[in-house]
């Protein structure tokens, strides 16, 4: 099978399209013909070997896992022994955050991992919303966002941010989306109650106060956003922060039980994909797609993700 392979850390150019053996599903696994995947911020950072401490898992000198890719959607072609959840021909989507492997024509994955059936009417490229929605859900869940509460989503145009707006609305929250000028209409279309153009005004100087301020792109800070928080409100981030400040502030918040700052650690993905399938089915969650690339143009996809200017997700059309 064809796969995008990286045998060393580095820029997008270290990724090469290669022929590799097609995986064989083991006991309790299914083999999926991957029809769509994404190149995400996670893929880009893993390719760079960043952050450095993550190399304890991904490989100190070179990648232990040469085929990246967390999101997938495709068709089950084979099932292993004792695998009973799915049958050949089932359309499925999911996440492979520990084993990666989605930047390939086939993926073997445990049937009890983060895999769910794609709802009727949803195309393969529309189903690869998993990773961004997973991170967004994990932060909203960690805070305990509920109906009637208010959230400000900073960077509401990326994979995590667009999902955060939709998932927060699905919980009945009031959402303020902070985006650049070119994304104002998108944020409104996703359901944001208020939209703020950060290129035209300082969003941290606004008079409104929020239960949750969610930095979906890692480009603001608790110090800047603290005035926006209601009493008992919290700042959640998806990034370690400058000089790891979000890590230290999160630890201090845990020690003092203030809950003011947190990095929403991802919940188990298998607990999320079923919910995402329901939201996709009833239209409360939709993919926002920046662009498509075939698998043999994956280096171009990585280059675009590296600009940090993508809107929503970058889809890799793997097969068919």
C-alpha atoms as a PDB file:
ATOM      1  CA  UNK A   1       0.000   0.000   0.000  1.00  0.00           C
ATOM      2  CA  UNK A   2       0.983   3.651  -0.364  1.00  0.00           C
ATOM      3  CA  UNK A   3       1.790   5.587   2.795  1.00  0.00           C
ATOM      4  CA  UNK A   4       3.315   8.912   3.782  1.00  0.00           C
ATOM      5  CA  UNK A   5       6.420   7.927   5.725  1.00  0.00           C
ATOM      6  CA  UNK A   6       8.765   9.992   7.905  1.00  0.00           C
ATOM      7  CA  UNK A   7      11.954   8.323   9.102  1.00  0.00           C
ATOM      8  CA  UNK A   8      13.429  11.411  10.752  1.00  0.00           C
ATOM      9  CA  UNK A   9      12.222  14.570  12.433  1.00  0.00           C
ATOM     10  CA  UNK A  10      12.188  17.766  10.458  1.00  0.00           C
ATOM     11  CA  UNK A  11      10.276  19.993   8.039  1.00  0.00           C
ATOM     12  CA  UNK A  12       7.511  18.786   5.717  1.00  0.00           C
ATOM     13  CA  UNK A  13      10.082  17.728   3.146  1.00  0.00           C
ATOM     14  CA  UNK A  14      11.159  14.745   5.271  1.00  0.00           C
ATOM     15  CA  UNK A  15       7.817  13.065   4.468  1.00  0.00           C
ATOM     16  CA  UNK A  16       7.970  10.687   1.495  1.00  0.00           C
ATOM     17  CA  UNK A  17       5.346   8.591  -0.252  1.00  0.00           C
ATOM     18  CA  UNK A  18       6.447   4.954  -0.059  1.00  0.00           C
ATOM     19  CA  UNK A  19       5.208   1.431  -0.668  1.00  0.00           C
ATOM     20  CA  UNK A  20       4.850  -0.402   2.633  1.00  0.00           C
ATOM     21  CA  UNK A  21       3.215  -3.707   3.601  1.00  0.00           C
ATOM     22  CA  UNK A  22      -0.535  -3.582   4.118  1.00  0.00           C
ATOM     23  CA  UNK A  23      -1.297  -4.250   7.798  1.00  0.00           C
ATOM     24  CA  UNK A  24      -3.075  -7.451   8.765  1.00  0.00           C
ATOM     25  CA  UNK A  25      -5.813  -7.052  11.388  1.00  0.00           C
ATOM     26  CA  UNK A  26      -5.087  -8.911  14.583  1.00  0.00           C
ATOM     27  CA  UNK A  27      -7.542 -10.360  17.050  1.00  0.00           C
ATOM     28  CA  UNK A  28     -10.228  -7.796  17.838  1.00  0.00           C
ATOM     29  CA  UNK A  29      -9.066  -5.464  15.081  1.00  0.00           C
ATOM     30  CA  UNK A  30     -10.543  -4.248  11.822  1.00  0.00           C
ATOM     31  CA  UNK A  31      -8.786  -3.247   8.625  1.00  0.00           C
ATOM     32  CA  UNK A  32      -9.996   0.067   7.224  1.00  0.00           C
ATOM     33  CA  UNK A  33      -9.403   1.289   3.694  1.00  0.00           C
ATOM     34  CA  UNK A  34      -8.725   4.931   4.482  1.00  0.00           C
ATOM     35  CA  UNK A  35     -10.669   7.244   2.195  1.00  0.00           C
ATOM     36  CA  UNK A  36      -9.969  10.529   3.994  1.00  0.00           C
ATOM     37  CA  UNK A  37      -7.558  11.749   6.666  1.00  0.00           C
ATOM     38  CA  UNK A  38      -6.249  15.119   7.842  1.00  0.00           C
ATOM     39  CA  UNK A  39      -2.950  16.840   8.470  1.00  0.00           C
ATOM     40  CA  UNK A  40      -3.341  18.496  11.854  1.00  0.00           C
ATOM     41  CA  UNK A  41      -1.309  20.572  14.256  1.00  0.00           C
ATOM     42  CA  UNK A  42      -0.576  17.345  16.143  1.00  0.00           C
ATOM     43  CA  UNK A  43       0.895  15.777  13.010  1.00  0.00           C
ATOM     44  CA  UNK A  44       2.981  18.848  12.287  1.00  0.00           C
ATOM     45  CA  UNK A  45       4.360  19.070  15.826  1.00  0.00           C
ATOM     46  CA  UNK A  46       5.064  15.334  15.970  1.00  0.00           C
ATOM     47  CA  UNK A  47       6.889  15.576  12.647  1.00  0.00           C
ATOM     48  CA  UNK A  48       9.063  18.323  14.165  1.00  0.00           C
ATOM     49  CA  UNK A  49       9.713  16.265  17.299  1.00  0.00           C
ATOM     50  CA  UNK A  50       8.068  19.004  19.345  1.00  0.00           C
ATOM     51  CA  UNK A  51       7.710  19.424  22.275  1.00  0.00           C
ATOM     52  CA  UNK A  52      10.996  17.766  23.112  1.00  0.00           C
ATOM     53  CA  UNK A  53       9.660  15.776  26.065  1.00  0.00           C
ATOM     54  CA  UNK A  54       7.150  14.064  23.773  1.00  0.00           C
ATOM     55  CA  UNK A  55      10.091  12.256  22.172  1.00  0.00           C
ATOM     56  CA  UNK A  56      10.102   9.959  25.188  1.00  0.00           C
ATOM     57  CA  UNK A  57       7.006   8.479  23.538  1.00  0.00           C
ATOM     58  CA  UNK A  58       7.504   9.242  19.845  1.00  0.00           C
ATOM     59  CA  UNK A  59      11.237   8.416  19.697  1.00  0.00           C
ATOM     60  CA  UNK A  60      14.280  10.254  21.027  1.00  0.00           C
ATOM     61  CA  UNK A  61      16.352  10.418  17.848  1.00  0.00           C
ATOM     62  CA  UNK A  62      13.945   9.390  15.096  1.00  0.00           C
ATOM     63  CA  UNK A  63      10.211   8.659  14.957  1.00  0.00           C
ATOM     64  CA  UNK A  64       9.152   5.306  16.351  1.00  0.00           C
ATOM     65  CA  UNK A  65       5.975   5.559  14.317  1.00  0.00           C
ATOM     66  CA  UNK A  66       6.857   6.482  10.738  1.00  0.00           C
ATOM     67  CA  UNK A  67       3.267   6.920   9.493  1.00  0.00           C
ATOM     68  CA  UNK A  68       1.438   9.824  11.112  1.00  0.00           C
ATOM     69  CA  UNK A  69      -2.214  10.862  10.915  1.00  0.00           C
ATOM     70  CA  UNK A  70      -4.763  10.886  13.735  1.00  0.00           C
ATOM     71  CA  UNK A  71      -8.094  11.326  11.910  1.00  0.00           C
ATOM     72  CA  UNK A  72      -9.493   8.786   9.478  1.00  0.00           C
ATOM     73  CA  UNK A  73     -12.649   7.876   7.630  1.00  0.00           C
ATOM     74  CA  UNK A  74     -13.044   4.875   5.379  1.00  0.00           C
ATOM     75  CA  UNK A  75     -14.499   1.441   4.721  1.00  0.00           C
ATOM     76  CA  UNK A  76     -13.962  -1.727   6.737  1.00  0.00           C
ATOM     77  CA  UNK A  77     -12.479  -4.300   4.367  1.00  0.00           C
ATOM     78  CA  UNK A  78     -11.535  -7.100   6.767  1.00  0.00           C
ATOM     79  CA  UNK A  79     -12.099  -8.069  10.390  1.00  0.00           C
ATOM     80  CA  UNK A  80      -9.782 -10.017  12.654  1.00  0.00           C
ATOM     81  CA  UNK A  81     -10.599 -12.918  14.933  1.00  0.00           C
ATOM     82  CA  UNK A  82     -13.136 -12.099  17.672  1.00  0.00           C
ATOM     83  CA  UNK A  83     -13.987  -8.754  16.038  1.00  0.00           C
ATOM     84  CA  UNK A  84     -17.777  -8.441  15.997  1.00  0.00           C
ATOM     85  CA  UNK A  85     -18.683  -4.731  16.082  1.00  0.00           C
ATOM     86  CA  UNK A  86     -18.192  -4.066  12.380  1.00  0.00           C
ATOM     87  CA  UNK A  87     -18.508  -5.947   9.113  1.00  0.00           C
ATOM     88  CA  UNK A  88     -16.750  -5.550   5.772  1.00  0.00           C
ATOM     89  CA  UNK A  89     -18.390  -2.709   3.900  1.00  0.00           C
ATOM     90  CA  UNK A  90     -19.202  -0.607   6.976  1.00  0.00           C
ATOM     91  CA  UNK A  91     -18.342   3.074   6.628  1.00  0.00           C
ATOM     92  CA  UNK A  92     -16.446   4.193   9.727  1.00  0.00           C
ATOM     93  CA  UNK A  93     -14.538   7.157  11.119  1.00  0.00           C
ATOM     94  CA  UNK A  94     -12.434   7.697  14.163  1.00  0.00           C
ATOM     95  CA  UNK A  95      -9.186   8.622  15.850  1.00  0.00           C
ATOM     96  CA  UNK A  96      -5.819   6.940  16.255  1.00  0.00           C
ATOM     97  CA  UNK A  97      -3.963   9.316  18.602  1.00  0.00           C
ATOM     98  CA  UNK A  98      -1.589   6.759  20.078  1.00  0.00           C
ATOM     99  CA  UNK A  99      -0.694   4.618  17.074  1.00  0.00           C
ATOM    100  CA  UNK A 100      -1.265   7.252  14.347  1.00  0.00           C
ATOM    101  CA  UNK A 101      -1.079   5.484  10.951  1.00  0.00           C
ATOM    102  CA  UNK A 102      -3.892   7.289   9.103  1.00  0.00           C
ATOM    103  CA  UNK A 103      -1.693   8.740   6.334  1.00  0.00           C
ATOM    104  CA  UNK A 104      -1.847   5.446   4.486  1.00  0.00           C
ATOM    105  CA  UNK A 105      -4.210   3.532   2.247  1.00  0.00           C
ATOM    106  CA  UNK A 106      -5.035   1.046   5.012  1.00  0.00           C
ATOM    107  CA  UNK A 107      -5.212   1.202   8.796  1.00  0.00           C
ATOM    108  CA  UNK A 108      -5.550  -1.666  11.267  1.00  0.00           C
ATOM    109  CA  UNK A 109      -7.247  -0.535  14.468  1.00  0.00           C
ATOM    110  CA  UNK A 110      -8.901  -2.190  17.451  1.00  0.00           C
ATOM    111  CA  UNK A 111     -12.665  -2.331  17.003  1.00  0.00           C
ATOM    112  CA  UNK A 112     -13.152  -1.101  20.583  1.00  0.00           C
ATOM    113  CA  UNK A 113     -10.892   1.908  19.975  1.00  0.00           C
ATOM    114  CA  UNK A 114     -12.196   5.301  18.858  1.00  0.00           C
ATOM    115  CA  UNK A 115     -14.187   4.013  15.877  1.00  0.00           C
ATOM    116  CA  UNK A 116     -17.825   4.662  14.979  1.00  0.00           C
ATOM    117  CA  UNK A 117     -20.067   4.283  11.967  1.00  0.00           C
ATOM    118  CA  UNK A 118     -20.378   7.301   9.694  1.00  0.00           C
ATOM    119  CA  UNK A 119     -23.964   8.567   9.711  1.00  0.00           C
ATOM    120  CA  UNK A 120     -25.962   8.309   6.501  1.00  0.00           C
ATOM    121  CA  UNK A 121     -25.572  11.354   4.301  1.00  0.00           C
ATOM    122  CA  UNK A 122     -22.111  12.252   5.628  1.00  0.00           C
ATOM    123  CA  UNK A 123     -19.259  11.929   3.137  1.00  0.00           C
ATOM    124  CA  UNK A 124     -15.871  10.568   4.129  1.00  0.00           C
ATOM    125  CA  UNK A 125     -14.212  13.994   3.980  1.00  0.00           C
ATOM    126  CA  UNK A 126     -16.984  15.412   6.170  1.00  0.00           C
ATOM    127  CA  UNK A 127     -16.373  12.814   8.876  1.00  0.00           C
ATOM    128  CA  UNK A 128     -12.717  13.583   9.651  1.00  0.00           C
ATOM    129  CA  UNK A 129     -13.610  16.126  12.340  1.00  0.00           C
ATOM    130  CA  UNK A 130     -12.488  13.901  15.194  1.00  0.00           C
ATOM    131  CA  UNK A 131      -9.267  15.381  16.499  1.00  0.00           C
ATOM    132  CA  UNK A 132     -10.335  19.023  16.638  1.00  0.00           C
ATOM    133  CA  UNK A 133     -13.684  18.093  18.155  1.00  0.00           C
ATOM    134  CA  UNK A 134     -11.957  15.747  20.621  1.00  0.00           C
ATOM    135  CA  UNK A 135      -9.744  18.516  21.977  1.00  0.00           C
ATOM    136  CA  UNK A 136     -12.613  21.000  22.042  1.00  0.00           C
ATOM    137  CA  UNK A 137     -14.915  18.563  23.838  1.00  0.00           C
ATOM    138  CA  UNK A 138     -12.220  17.660  26.358  1.00  0.00           C
ATOM    139  CA  UNK A 139     -11.853  21.301  27.408  1.00  0.00           C
ATOM    140  CA  UNK A 140     -15.576  22.009  27.543  1.00  0.00           C
ATOM    141  CA  UNK A 141     -16.090  18.805  29.516  1.00  0.00           C
ATOM    142  CA  UNK A 142     -13.213  19.533  31.909  1.00  0.00           C
ATOM    143  CA  UNK A 143     -14.758  22.905  32.696  1.00  0.00           C
ATOM    144  CA  UNK A 144     -18.235  21.439  32.902  1.00  0.00           C
ATOM    145  CA  UNK A 145     -19.806  23.892  30.473  1.00  0.00           C
ATOM    146  CA  UNK A 146     -23.574  23.758  30.749  1.00  0.00           C
ATOM    147  CA  UNK A 147     -26.696  25.361  29.370  1.00  0.00           C
ATOM    148  CA  UNK A 148     -26.930  29.092  29.971  1.00  0.00           C
ATOM    149  CA  UNK A 149     -23.233  29.630  30.605  1.00  0.00           C
ATOM    150  CA  UNK A 150     -21.050  31.846  28.452  1.00  0.00           C
ATOM    151  CA  UNK A 151     -17.839  31.022  26.615  1.00  0.00           C
ATOM    152  CA  UNK A 152     -15.412  33.103  24.600  1.00  0.00           C
ATOM    153  CA  UNK A 153     -13.547  31.056  21.994  1.00  0.00           C
ATOM    154  CA  UNK A 154     -10.324  32.690  20.840  1.00  0.00           C
ATOM    155  CA  UNK A 155      -9.117  31.394  17.487  1.00  0.00           C
ATOM    156  CA  UNK A 156     -12.548  30.086  16.540  1.00  0.00           C
ATOM    157  CA  UNK A 157     -11.599  29.433  12.920  1.00  0.00           C
ATOM    158  CA  UNK A 158      -9.188  26.508  13.265  1.00  0.00           C
ATOM    159  CA  UNK A 159      -9.940  22.815  13.656  1.00  0.00           C
ATOM    160  CA  UNK A 160     -10.374  23.049  17.424  1.00  0.00           C
ATOM    161  CA  UNK A 161     -12.005  26.474  17.426  1.00  0.00           C
ATOM    162  CA  UNK A 162     -14.679  25.712  14.829  1.00  0.00           C
ATOM    163  CA  UNK A 163     -15.542  22.535  16.720  1.00  0.00           C
ATOM    164  CA  UNK A 164     -15.583  24.404  20.042  1.00  0.00           C
ATOM    165  CA  UNK A 165     -18.167  26.907  18.799  1.00  0.00           C
ATOM    166  CA  UNK A 166     -20.465  24.129  17.596  1.00  0.00           C
ATOM    167  CA  UNK A 167     -20.023  21.890  20.637  1.00  0.00           C
ATOM    168  CA  UNK A 168     -20.589  24.786  23.039  1.00  0.00           C
ATOM    169  CA  UNK A 169     -23.807  25.703  21.216  1.00  0.00           C
ATOM    170  CA  UNK A 170     -24.879  22.064  21.380  1.00  0.00           C
ATOM    171  CA  UNK A 171     -24.548  22.347  25.168  1.00  0.00           C
ATOM    172  CA  UNK A 172     -26.789  25.409  25.216  1.00  0.00           C
ATOM    173  CA  UNK A 173     -24.053  27.934  25.963  1.00  0.00           C
ATOM    174  CA  UNK A 174     -23.809  31.510  24.715  1.00  0.00           C
ATOM    175  CA  UNK A 175     -20.750  31.766  22.473  1.00  0.00           C
ATOM    176  CA  UNK A 176     -18.557  34.701  21.545  1.00  0.00           C
ATOM    177  CA  UNK A 177     -16.122  33.851  18.754  1.00  0.00           C
ATOM    178  CA  UNK A 178     -12.897  35.817  18.311  1.00  0.00           C
ATOM    179  CA  UNK A 179     -11.567  35.585  14.768  1.00  0.00           C
ATOM    180  CA  UNK A 180      -9.883  37.576  12.005  1.00  0.00           C
ATOM    181  CA  UNK A 181     -11.915  39.690   9.582  1.00  0.00           C
ATOM    182  CA  UNK A 182     -12.061  37.022   6.898  1.00  0.00           C
ATOM    183  CA  UNK A 183     -13.655  34.550   9.302  1.00  0.00           C
ATOM    184  CA  UNK A 184     -16.460  36.719  10.704  1.00  0.00           C
ATOM    185  CA  UNK A 185     -19.144  35.206   8.453  1.00  0.00           C
ATOM    186  CA  UNK A 186     -17.889  31.676   9.132  1.00  0.00           C
ATOM    187  CA  UNK A 187     -18.129  32.112  12.905  1.00  0.00           C
ATOM    188  CA  UNK A 188     -21.665  33.444  12.554  1.00  0.00           C
ATOM    189  CA  UNK A 189     -22.630  30.540  10.298  1.00  0.00           C
ATOM    190  CA  UNK A 190     -21.320  28.090  12.907  1.00  0.00           C
ATOM    191  CA  UNK A 191     -23.757  29.530  15.442  1.00  0.00           C
ATOM    192  CA  UNK A 192     -21.728  32.063  17.417  1.00  0.00           C
ATOM    193  CA  UNK A 193     -23.985  34.527  19.221  1.00  0.00           C
ATOM    194  CA  UNK A 194     -21.394  37.300  19.012  1.00  0.00           C
ATOM    195  CA  UNK A 195     -18.381  37.657  16.765  1.00  0.00           C
ATOM    196  CA  UNK A 196     -15.337  39.805  17.516  1.00  0.00           C
ATOM    197  CA  UNK A 197     -12.699  40.814  14.956  1.00  0.00           C
ATOM    198  CA  UNK A 198      -9.388  40.732  16.808  1.00  0.00           C
ATOM    199  CA  UNK A 199      -7.693  42.680  14.016  1.00  0.00           C
ATOM    200  CA  UNK A 200     -10.050  45.609  14.595  1.00  0.00           C
ATOM    201  CA  UNK A 201     -10.293  45.701  18.385  1.00  0.00           C
ATOM    202  CA  UNK A 202      -8.653  44.414  21.538  1.00  0.00           C
ATOM    203  CA  UNK A 203     -11.001  41.630  22.570  1.00  0.00           C
ATOM    204  CA  UNK A 204      -9.520  41.591  26.101  1.00  0.00           C
ATOM    205  CA  UNK A 205     -10.784  45.164  26.637  1.00  0.00           C
ATOM    206  CA  UNK A 206     -14.433  44.281  26.048  1.00  0.00           C
ATOM    207  CA  UNK A 207     -16.835  44.839  28.958  1.00  0.00           C
ATOM    208  CA  UNK A 208     -18.466  41.390  28.823  1.00  0.00           C
ATOM    209  CA  UNK A 209     -17.482  38.679  31.290  1.00  0.00           C
ATOM    210  CA  UNK A 210     -17.452  34.955  30.632  1.00  0.00           C
ATOM    211  CA  UNK A 211     -17.661  31.680  32.508  1.00  0.00           C
ATOM    212  CA  UNK A 212     -15.022  30.194  30.222  1.00  0.00           C
ATOM    213  CA  UNK A 213     -12.360  31.707  28.001  1.00  0.00           C
ATOM    214  CA  UNK A 214     -11.021  29.032  25.679  1.00  0.00           C
ATOM    215  CA  UNK A 215      -7.788  29.662  23.761  1.00  0.00           C
ATOM    216  CA  UNK A 216      -8.130  27.231  20.862  1.00  0.00           C
ATOM    217  CA  UNK A 217      -4.881  28.203  19.128  1.00  0.00           C
ATOM    218  CA  UNK A 218      -2.344  28.919  21.882  1.00  0.00           C
ATOM    219  CA  UNK A 219      -1.874  32.575  20.991  1.00  0.00           C
ATOM    220  CA  UNK A 220      -3.155  34.414  24.052  1.00  0.00           C
ATOM    221  CA  UNK A 221      -2.593  34.021  27.788  1.00  0.00           C
ATOM    222  CA  UNK A 222      -4.297  33.878  31.151  1.00  0.00           C
ATOM    223  CA  UNK A 223      -2.732  37.224  32.062  1.00  0.00           C
ATOM    224  CA  UNK A 224      -4.333  38.870  29.028  1.00  0.00           C
ATOM    225  CA  UNK A 225      -7.706  37.171  29.466  1.00  0.00           C
ATOM    226  CA  UNK A 226      -8.072  37.302  33.250  1.00  0.00           C
ATOM    227  CA  UNK A 227     -10.157  40.529  33.144  1.00  0.00           C
ATOM    228  CA  UNK A 228     -12.713  38.724  30.969  1.00  0.00           C
ATOM    229  CA  UNK A 229     -13.496  36.044  33.546  1.00  0.00           C
ATOM    230  CA  UNK A 230     -16.532  36.043  35.778  1.00  0.00           C
ATOM    231  CA  UNK A 231     -16.043  35.113  39.439  1.00  0.00           C
ATOM    232  CA  UNK A 232     -15.509  31.370  39.333  1.00  0.00           C
ATOM    233  CA  UNK A 233     -14.670  31.516  35.627  1.00  0.00           C
ATOM    234  CA  UNK A 234     -11.732  29.734  34.028  1.00  0.00           C
ATOM    235  CA  UNK A 235      -9.178  30.071  31.257  1.00  0.00           C
ATOM    236  CA  UNK A 236      -8.537  26.904  29.251  1.00  0.00           C
ATOM    237  CA  UNK A 237      -5.713  26.489  26.760  1.00  0.00           C
ATOM    238  CA  UNK A 238      -4.652  23.952  24.162  1.00  0.00           C
ATOM    239  CA  UNK A 239      -0.997  24.995  24.303  1.00  0.00           C
ATOM    240  CA  UNK A 240       1.739  24.821  26.925  1.00  0.00           C
ATOM    241  CA  UNK A 241       2.112  28.596  26.790  1.00  0.00           C
ATOM    242  CA  UNK A 242       5.179  30.789  26.727  1.00  0.00           C
ATOM    243  CA  UNK A 243       7.827  29.340  29.038  1.00  0.00           C
ATOM    244  CA  UNK A 244       5.269  26.651  29.906  1.00  0.00           C
ATOM    245  CA  UNK A 245       3.210  29.195  31.808  1.00  0.00           C
ATOM    246  CA  UNK A 246      -0.069  27.345  31.171  1.00  0.00           C
ATOM    247  CA  UNK A 247       1.412  24.183  32.641  1.00  0.00           C
ATOM    248  CA  UNK A 248       2.571  25.911  35.833  1.00  0.00           C
ATOM    249  CA  UNK A 249      -0.630  27.922  36.205  1.00  0.00           C
ATOM    250  CA  UNK A 250      -2.696  24.807  35.642  1.00  0.00           C
ATOM    251  CA  UNK A 251      -0.731  22.924  38.310  1.00  0.00           C
ATOM    252  CA  UNK A 252      -1.099  25.829  40.731  1.00  0.00           C
ATOM    253  CA  UNK A 253      -4.838  25.961  40.030  1.00  0.00           C
ATOM    254  CA  UNK A 254      -5.044  22.262  40.870  1.00  0.00           C
ATOM    255  CA  UNK A 255      -3.096  22.714  44.103  1.00  0.00           C
ATOM    256  CA  UNK A 256      -5.235  25.662  45.201  1.00  0.00           C
ATOM    257  CA  UNK A 257      -8.402  24.094  43.749  1.00  0.00           C
ATOM    258  CA  UNK A 258      -9.243  27.413  42.144  1.00  0.00           C
ATOM    259  CA  UNK A 259      -9.789  25.906  38.704  1.00  0.00           C
ATOM    260  CA  UNK A 260      -8.829  29.237  37.136  1.00  0.00           C
ATOM    261  CA  UNK A 261      -6.407  27.855  34.552  1.00  0.00           C
ATOM    262  CA  UNK A 262      -6.375  24.470  32.872  1.00  0.00           C
ATOM    263  CA  UNK A 263      -5.036  22.616  29.883  1.00  0.00           C
ATOM    264  CA  UNK A 264      -7.935  20.339  29.096  1.00  0.00           C
ATOM    265  CA  UNK A 265      -6.319  16.929  28.915  1.00  0.00           C
ATOM    266  CA  UNK A 266      -7.992  14.817  26.249  1.00  0.00           C
ATOM    267  CA  UNK A 267     -10.554  12.348  27.510  1.00  0.00           C
ATOM    268  CA  UNK A 268     -10.403   8.831  26.134  1.00  0.00           C
ATOM    269  CA  UNK A 269     -11.281   9.237  22.445  1.00  0.00           C
ATOM    270  CA  UNK A 270     -13.400   6.099  22.337  1.00  0.00           C
ATOM    271  CA  UNK A 271     -15.770   7.867  24.748  1.00  0.00           C
ATOM    272  CA  UNK A 272     -16.248  10.724  22.276  1.00  0.00           C
ATOM    273  CA  UNK A 273     -16.701   9.315  18.765  1.00  0.00           C
ATOM    274  CA  UNK A 274     -20.227   8.024  19.402  1.00  0.00           C
ATOM    275  CA  UNK A 275     -21.309  11.487  20.514  1.00  0.00           C
ATOM    276  CA  UNK A 276     -19.620  13.047  17.470  1.00  0.00           C
ATOM    277  CA  UNK A 277     -21.506  10.645  15.202  1.00  0.00           C
ATOM    278  CA  UNK A 278     -24.798  11.790  16.739  1.00  0.00           C
ATOM    279  CA  UNK A 279     -23.894  15.456  16.296  1.00  0.00           C
ATOM    280  CA  UNK A 280     -22.845  14.884  12.678  1.00  0.00           C
ATOM    281  CA  UNK A 281     -26.081  13.039  12.006  1.00  0.00           C
ATOM    282  CA  UNK A 282     -28.352  15.793  13.284  1.00  0.00           C
ATOM    283  CA  UNK A 283     -26.325  18.660  11.839  1.00  0.00           C
ATOM    284  CA  UNK A 284     -25.118  20.174  15.082  1.00  0.00           C
ATOM    285  CA  UNK A 285     -21.523  19.483  14.034  1.00  0.00           C
ATOM    286  CA  UNK A 286     -20.089  19.917  10.560  1.00  0.00           C
ATOM    287  CA  UNK A 287     -16.627  19.888   9.111  1.00  0.00           C
ATOM    288  CA  UNK A 288     -15.089  23.195   8.104  1.00  0.00           C
ATOM    289  CA  UNK A 289     -12.662  22.321   5.320  1.00  0.00           C
ATOM    290  CA  UNK A 290      -9.836  24.610   4.280  1.00  0.00           C
ATOM    291  CA  UNK A 291      -8.624  22.518   1.349  1.00  0.00           C
ATOM    292  CA  UNK A 292      -8.143  19.034  -0.049  1.00  0.00           C
ATOM    293  CA  UNK A 293      -4.886  17.361  -1.063  1.00  0.00           C
ATOM    294  CA  UNK A 294      -4.371  13.866  -2.464  1.00  0.00           C
ATOM    295  CA  UNK A 295      -2.004  11.639  -0.514  1.00  0.00           C
ATOM    296  CA  UNK A 296       0.827  12.270  -2.955  1.00  0.00           C
ATOM    297  CA  UNK A 297       0.618  16.004  -2.165  1.00  0.00           C
ATOM    298  CA  UNK A 298       0.803  15.587   1.602  1.00  0.00           C
ATOM    299  CA  UNK A 299       4.006  17.645   1.817  1.00  0.00           C
ATOM    300  CA  UNK A 300       2.028  20.628   0.496  1.00  0.00           C
ATOM    301  CA  UNK A 301      -0.606  19.978   3.148  1.00  0.00           C
ATOM    302  CA  UNK A 302       2.052  20.025   5.870  1.00  0.00           C
ATOM    303  CA  UNK A 303       3.456  23.274   4.483  1.00  0.00           C
ATOM    304  CA  UNK A 304       0.039  24.903   4.673  1.00  0.00           C
ATOM    305  CA  UNK A 305      -0.571  23.704   8.225  1.00  0.00           C
ATOM    306  CA  UNK A 306       2.850  25.098   9.162  1.00  0.00           C
ATOM    307  CA  UNK A 307       1.702  28.611   8.165  1.00  0.00           C
ATOM    308  CA  UNK A 308      -0.783  28.500  11.087  1.00  0.00           C
ATOM    309  CA  UNK A 309      -3.314  30.171   8.803  1.00  0.00           C
ATOM    310  CA  UNK A 310      -5.591  27.261   7.975  1.00  0.00           C
ATOM    311  CA  UNK A 311      -9.350  27.466   8.366  1.00  0.00           C
ATOM    312  CA  UNK A 312     -10.808  24.359   9.957  1.00  0.00           C
ATOM    313  CA  UNK A 313      -9.222  21.157   8.694  1.00  0.00           C
ATOM    314  CA  UNK A 314      -6.893  20.190   5.850  1.00  0.00           C
ATOM    315  CA  UNK A 315      -8.206  16.993   4.265  1.00  0.00           C
ATOM    316  CA  UNK A 316      -6.078  14.283   2.668  1.00  0.00           C
ATOM    317  CA  UNK A 317      -8.047  12.352   0.065  1.00  0.00           C
ATOM    318  CA  UNK A 318      -6.353   8.995   0.410  1.00  0.00           C
ATOM    319  CA  UNK A 319      -8.329   6.683  -1.847  1.00  0.00           C
ATOM    320  CA  UNK A 320     -11.325   6.665  -4.134  1.00  0.00           C
END
